[in-house]
Amino acid sequence: MAKRMDLNRRTFLVLSGSSNPLGQSLALEFCRRLAPGSLALILDEDQEQLRELENHLQGELKTKNVQVMTGRLDKSHSNGVQLMEETLKDHFEAQRDTQRFERSVIVHNEGQAATHVLVEPQGVEEWKDYVQHQLYAPVALNQMWLQSKYLEKVEKLAVNVTSSLLVRPLVYSGLLCSCKQARDMYFRAMASEEYRFGVQVLSFSPGLMATHESQCDVNGNRINPVDLVASKQTVQLPRIQPRQATLKLINILEEISFVSGHDVDYYDTFVL
């Protein structure tokens, strides 16, 4: 069943991953639309990026509708669960008389593959770190978000920022594609399992972004992103800016409508 969502609700927003090129835009545009009494928790392992984003939001947001909190993830991203629970606990202890949230939104924007880097990790330890950051840690954070006592009977929306380039075969990136496919299937299964509890799920691919850049592989060969994309049609599509992708995502949620559990790609339609 297709659904639209008015984001102007009293919301607990979790954005996991703000240091890649899409994160700042997601944080700003989502926070702009939330109703008074909302709380936003922004998670990332880059403390400097978190500080800069917090200052940017304070300067850009004209109202005090949203209380913005930041949390620094550890190297394995395993403390995201603790940071979220502590934030919710402190919020409810400090504001006992306030109304509960009307909705909670979690946006999984971890890593750089969907927005920045397409060449997969080259070494064993780097690959293990990638799987931990892209699969295990987001799933653990998401499970705690679903089960949190502070969010009982609250309507929920989970957005998985992925890449259609990584859930289809991609040259030299078999491991990367496999990990992305596993994550995609987790969110599809979650949509089916949690639908009766008012949980909606959307996997969004921002397209081949302008921020995707050339890289050197382990042998020193420079790899251009277009060399990795097997589809010639995809290569010919326009590169996307972070704000374009963010506004498209919001338009899908609020205007176009979506079906929970489905994947939507920026290139499905160019209408903003």
Protein backbone atom coordinates (compact mmCIF):
# COMPACT_ATOMS: atom_id res chain seq x y z
CA MET A 1 0.00 0.00 0.00
CA ALA A 2 1.47 3.36 -1.05
CA LYS A 3 2.00 5.87 1.73
CA ARG A 4 2.85 9.56 2.13
CA MET A 5 4.29 11.16 5.25
CA ASP A 6 4.04 14.74 6.43
CA LEU A 7 7.39 15.29 8.14
CA ASN A 8 6.01 18.20 10.17
CA ARG A 9 5.43 16.09 13.28
CA ARG A 10 6.97 16.04 16.75
CA THR A 11 9.77 13.63 15.89
CA PHE A 12 12.76 11.82 17.31
CA LEU A 13 15.20 11.80 14.37
CA VAL A 14 18.34 9.66 14.26
CA LEU A 15 20.83 10.29 11.48
CA SER A 16 23.69 7.78 11.47
CA GLY A 17 26.45 8.99 9.17
CA SER A 18 26.93 12.72 8.63
CA SER A 19 30.53 13.06 7.43
CA ASN A 20 29.92 11.82 3.90
CA PRO A 21 28.78 14.37 1.29
CA LEU A 22 25.09 13.58 1.71
CA GLY A 23 24.96 13.72 5.52
CA GLN A 24 24.98 17.50 6.01
CA SER A 25 22.16 17.99 3.53
CA LEU A 26 20.06 15.21 5.07
CA ALA A 27 20.49 16.69 8.55
CA LEU A 28 19.55 20.22 7.50
CA GLU A 29 16.58 19.46 5.28
CA PHE A 30 15.00 16.93 7.65
CA CYS A 31 15.44 19.19 10.69
CA ARG A 32 13.88 22.11 8.80
CA ARG A 33 10.65 20.19 8.40
CA LEU A 34 10.16 18.81 11.92
CA ALA A 35 7.55 20.19 14.30
CA PRO A 36 8.26 21.95 17.63
CA GLY A 37 9.35 19.60 20.38
CA SER A 38 11.42 17.43 18.05
CA LEU A 39 14.80 15.95 18.95
CA ALA A 40 17.54 15.09 16.45
CA LEU A 41 20.49 12.81 17.26
CA ILE A 42 23.30 12.90 14.71
CA LEU A 43 25.91 10.13 14.91
CA ASP A 44 29.33 9.91 13.28
CA GLU A 45 32.88 8.93 14.19
CA ASP A 46 34.39 12.21 12.95
CA GLN A 47 34.21 14.62 15.90
CA GLU A 48 35.32 17.62 13.87
CA GLN A 49 32.66 17.00 11.23
CA LEU A 50 30.03 16.66 13.95
CA ARG A 51 31.08 19.97 15.48
CA GLU A 52 30.98 21.75 12.12
CA LEU A 53 27.57 20.29 11.29
CA GLU A 54 26.14 21.29 14.67
CA ASN A 55 27.32 24.88 14.13
CA HIS A 56 25.94 24.85 10.60
CA LEU A 57 22.53 23.69 11.79
CA GLN A 58 22.41 26.32 14.51
CA GLY A 59 23.09 28.98 11.91
CA GLU A 60 20.64 27.67 9.30
CA LEU A 61 17.66 26.64 11.42
CA LYS A 62 15.64 29.79 12.07
CA THR A 63 13.44 28.34 14.79
CA LYS A 64 13.99 26.40 17.98
CA ASN A 65 11.68 23.60 16.85
CA VAL A 66 14.42 20.98 16.98
CA GLN A 67 16.90 20.19 19.73
CA VAL A 68 20.02 18.91 18.00
CA MET A 69 22.33 16.47 19.79
CA THR A 70 25.46 14.85 18.41
CA GLY A 71 27.18 11.63 19.37
CA ARG A 72 30.62 10.38 18.43
CA LEU A 73 30.73 6.77 17.31
CA ASP A 74 33.69 4.63 18.33
CA LYS A 75 35.93 2.93 15.78
CA SER A 76 33.62 -0.09 15.44
CA HIS A 77 30.42 2.02 15.66
CA SER A 78 29.26 -0.36 18.39
CA ASN A 79 28.33 2.43 20.84
CA GLY A 80 25.53 3.86 18.68
CA VAL A 81 22.96 1.87 20.67
CA GLN A 82 24.20 3.32 23.96
CA LEU A 83 24.31 6.88 22.61
CA MET A 84 20.71 6.66 21.41
CA GLU A 85 19.35 5.20 24.62
CA GLU A 86 21.19 7.76 26.77
CA THR A 87 19.86 10.60 24.61
CA LEU A 88 16.28 9.39 24.94
CA LYS A 89 16.62 8.78 28.68
CA ASP A 90 18.05 12.24 29.31
CA HIS A 91 15.36 13.85 27.17
CA PHE A 92 12.46 12.24 29.01
CA GLU A 93 13.98 12.80 32.46
CA ALA A 94 14.52 16.49 31.71
CA GLN A 95 11.06 17.01 30.20
CA ARG A 96 8.67 14.79 32.13
CA ASP A 97 5.63 16.94 31.40
CA THR A 98 6.09 17.16 27.63
CA GLN A 99 4.11 15.09 25.16
CA ARG A 100 5.57 11.95 23.68
CA PHE A 101 6.94 11.94 20.16
CA GLU A 102 4.41 11.48 17.38
CA ARG A 103 6.94 9.76 15.13
CA SER A 104 10.51 8.53 15.03
CA VAL A 105 12.65 8.55 11.90
CA ILE A 106 16.02 6.80 11.57
CA VAL A 107 18.19 7.50 8.52
CA HIS A 108 21.04 5.08 7.89
CA ASN A 109 23.65 6.97 5.87
CA GLU A 110 26.76 5.17 7.11
CA GLY A 111 29.96 5.04 5.11
CA GLN A 112 30.97 6.56 1.81
CA ALA A 113 30.05 3.97 -0.82
CA ALA A 114 26.65 5.44 -1.70
CA THR A 115 27.95 8.98 -2.01
CA HIS A 116 31.72 9.10 -2.31
CA VAL A 117 33.77 5.94 -2.85
CA LEU A 118 32.97 2.96 -5.07
CA VAL A 119 36.23 0.98 -4.93
CA GLU A 120 35.85 -1.70 -2.28
CA PRO A 121 38.27 -2.22 0.64
CA GLN A 122 41.57 -3.74 -0.49
CA GLY A 123 42.77 -5.58 2.62
CA VAL A 124 41.32 -8.14 5.04
CA GLU A 125 41.14 -5.83 8.05
CA GLU A 126 39.68 -2.98 5.98
CA TRP A 127 37.03 -5.34 4.67
CA LYS A 128 36.12 -6.49 8.20
CA ASP A 129 35.80 -2.85 9.27
CA TYR A 130 33.59 -2.15 6.28
CA VAL A 131 31.21 -5.01 7.11
CA GLN A 132 31.08 -3.89 10.75
CA HIS A 133 30.28 -0.29 9.79
CA GLN A 134 27.91 -1.02 6.90
CA LEU A 135 26.03 -4.09 8.17
CA TYR A 136 26.50 -5.21 11.77
CA ALA A 137 26.47 -1.83 13.52
CA PRO A 138 23.49 -0.38 11.58
CA VAL A 139 21.45 -3.52 12.21
CA ALA A 140 22.22 -3.40 15.95
CA LEU A 141 21.30 0.31 16.11
CA ASN A 142 18.12 -0.32 14.16
CA GLN A 143 17.05 -3.20 16.40
CA MET A 144 17.48 -1.08 19.51
CA TRP A 145 15.51 1.74 17.86
CA LEU A 146 12.66 -0.70 17.17
CA GLN A 147 12.66 -2.05 20.72
CA SER A 148 13.32 1.11 22.76
CA LYS A 149 10.85 1.55 25.60
CA TYR A 150 10.94 5.31 24.99
CA LEU A 151 9.49 4.81 21.51
CA GLU A 152 6.73 2.33 22.29
CA LYS A 153 3.57 2.86 20.21
CA VAL A 154 5.31 5.60 18.22
CA GLU A 155 4.96 5.56 14.43
CA LYS A 156 8.34 4.77 12.88
CA LEU A 157 10.09 5.31 9.55
CA ALA A 158 13.46 3.76 8.66
CA VAL A 159 15.35 5.10 5.64
CA ASN A 160 18.23 3.03 4.32
CA VAL A 161 20.53 5.11 2.10
CA THR A 162 22.03 2.60 -0.28
CA SER A 163 23.11 2.56 -3.89
CA SER A 164 21.55 0.73 -6.81
CA LEU A 165 25.13 0.57 -8.11
CA LEU A 166 25.91 -1.75 -5.22
CA VAL A 167 22.85 -4.00 -5.27
CA ARG A 168 23.53 -4.78 -8.93
CA PRO A 169 26.74 -6.38 -10.22
CA LEU A 170 29.58 -3.86 -10.16
CA VAL A 171 33.00 -4.42 -11.75
CA TYR A 172 35.73 -5.34 -9.20
CA SER A 173 33.31 -4.94 -6.27
CA GLY A 174 31.83 -8.37 -5.58
CA LEU A 175 32.34 -8.20 -1.81
CA LEU A 176 31.00 -4.66 -1.61
CA CYS A 177 27.88 -5.58 -3.60
CA SER A 178 27.32 -8.66 -1.43
CA CYS A 179 27.39 -6.65 1.77
CA LYS A 180 25.02 -4.03 0.37
CA GLN A 181 22.65 -6.75 -0.81
CA ALA A 182 22.60 -8.31 2.68
CA ARG A 183 21.76 -4.95 4.20
CA ASP A 184 19.07 -4.34 1.61
CA MET A 185 17.47 -7.70 2.41
CA TYR A 186 17.53 -6.94 6.14
CA PHE A 187 15.46 -3.80 5.58
CA ARG A 188 13.07 -5.62 3.24
CA ALA A 189 12.50 -8.31 5.85
CA MET A 190 12.08 -5.69 8.58
CA ALA A 191 9.39 -3.96 6.53
CA SER A 192 7.37 -7.19 6.41
CA GLU A 193 7.93 -8.12 10.05
CA GLU A 194 7.25 -4.70 11.57
CA TYR A 195 4.47 -3.40 9.31
CA ARG A 196 1.73 -4.39 11.77
CA PHE A 197 3.45 -2.27 14.43
CA GLY A 198 3.32 0.90 12.31
CA VAL A 199 6.89 0.75 11.00
CA GLN A 200 7.55 1.97 7.44
CA VAL A 201 10.81 1.26 5.57
CA LEU A 202 12.31 2.86 2.48
CA SER A 203 15.64 2.07 0.80
CA PHE A 204 16.76 5.09 -1.20
CA SER A 205 19.54 5.21 -3.78
CA PRO A 206 20.79 8.76 -4.44
CA GLY A 207 22.24 7.85 -7.84
CA LEU A 208 25.74 8.36 -9.16
CA MET A 209 26.67 11.48 -7.26
CA ALA A 210 28.88 14.38 -8.29
CA THR A 211 30.89 13.62 -5.16
CA HIS A 212 31.94 10.15 -6.36
CA GLU A 213 35.61 10.53 -7.21
CA SER A 214 38.53 8.65 -8.73
CA GLN A 215 40.61 6.44 -6.43
CA CYS A 216 43.83 4.51 -6.46
CA ASP A 217 43.60 0.79 -5.84
CA VAL A 218 46.10 -1.28 -3.83
CA ASN A 219 48.41 -1.46 -6.87
CA GLY A 220 48.41 2.29 -7.43
CA ASN A 221 46.10 2.18 -10.45
CA ARG A 222 43.74 5.14 -10.70
CA ILE A 223 40.13 3.95 -10.96
CA ASN A 224 37.39 6.23 -12.26
CA PRO A 225 33.86 5.55 -10.95
CA VAL A 226 32.46 5.28 -14.48
CA ASP A 227 34.91 2.43 -15.13
CA LEU A 228 33.21 0.40 -12.38
CA VAL A 229 29.65 0.78 -13.61
CA ALA A 230 28.77 -2.02 -16.00
CA SER A 231 25.68 -0.30 -17.38
CA LYS A 232 26.46 2.23 -20.12
CA GLN A 233 23.00 3.75 -19.65
CA THR A 234 23.77 4.52 -15.98
CA VAL A 235 27.07 6.17 -16.86
CA GLN A 236 25.27 8.54 -19.23
CA LEU A 237 22.81 9.73 -16.55
CA PRO A 238 23.51 13.09 -14.91
CA ARG A 239 25.62 13.26 -11.74
CA ILE A 240 23.61 14.21 -8.65
CA GLN A 241 24.39 16.86 -6.03
CA PRO A 242 23.73 16.02 -2.33
CA ARG A 243 20.93 18.59 -1.94
CA GLN A 244 19.23 17.29 -5.10
CA ALA A 245 19.22 13.77 -3.69
CA THR A 246 17.92 14.94 -0.30
CA LEU A 247 15.06 16.93 -1.80
CA LYS A 248 14.14 13.99 -3.99
CA LEU A 249 13.99 11.70 -0.94
CA ILE A 250 11.79 14.17 0.95
CA ASN A 251 9.55 14.59 -2.09
CA ILE A 252 9.09 10.81 -2.28
CA LEU A 253 8.13 10.70 1.40
CA GLU A 254 5.77 13.68 1.38
CA GLU A 255 4.36 13.94 -2.15
CA ILE A 256 5.06 11.05 -4.53
CA SER A 257 4.38 8.24 -1.98
CA PHE A 258 6.24 4.97 -1.46
CA VAL A 259 5.60 1.32 -0.63
CA SER A 260 7.22 0.10 2.57
CA GLY A 261 10.11 -2.27 1.93
CA HIS A 262 10.67 -1.18 -1.65
CA ASP A 263 13.79 0.36 -3.17
CA VAL A 264 13.57 3.74 -4.87
CA ASP A 265 16.34 5.14 -7.05
CA TYR A 266 16.86 8.84 -7.79
CA TYR A 267 16.78 8.04 -11.48
CA ASP A 268 13.33 6.43 -11.26
CA THR A 269 12.00 9.91 -12.03
CA PHE A 270 13.68 13.29 -12.36
CA VAL A 271 10.71 15.14 -10.86
CA LEU A 272 11.60 17.02 -7.69
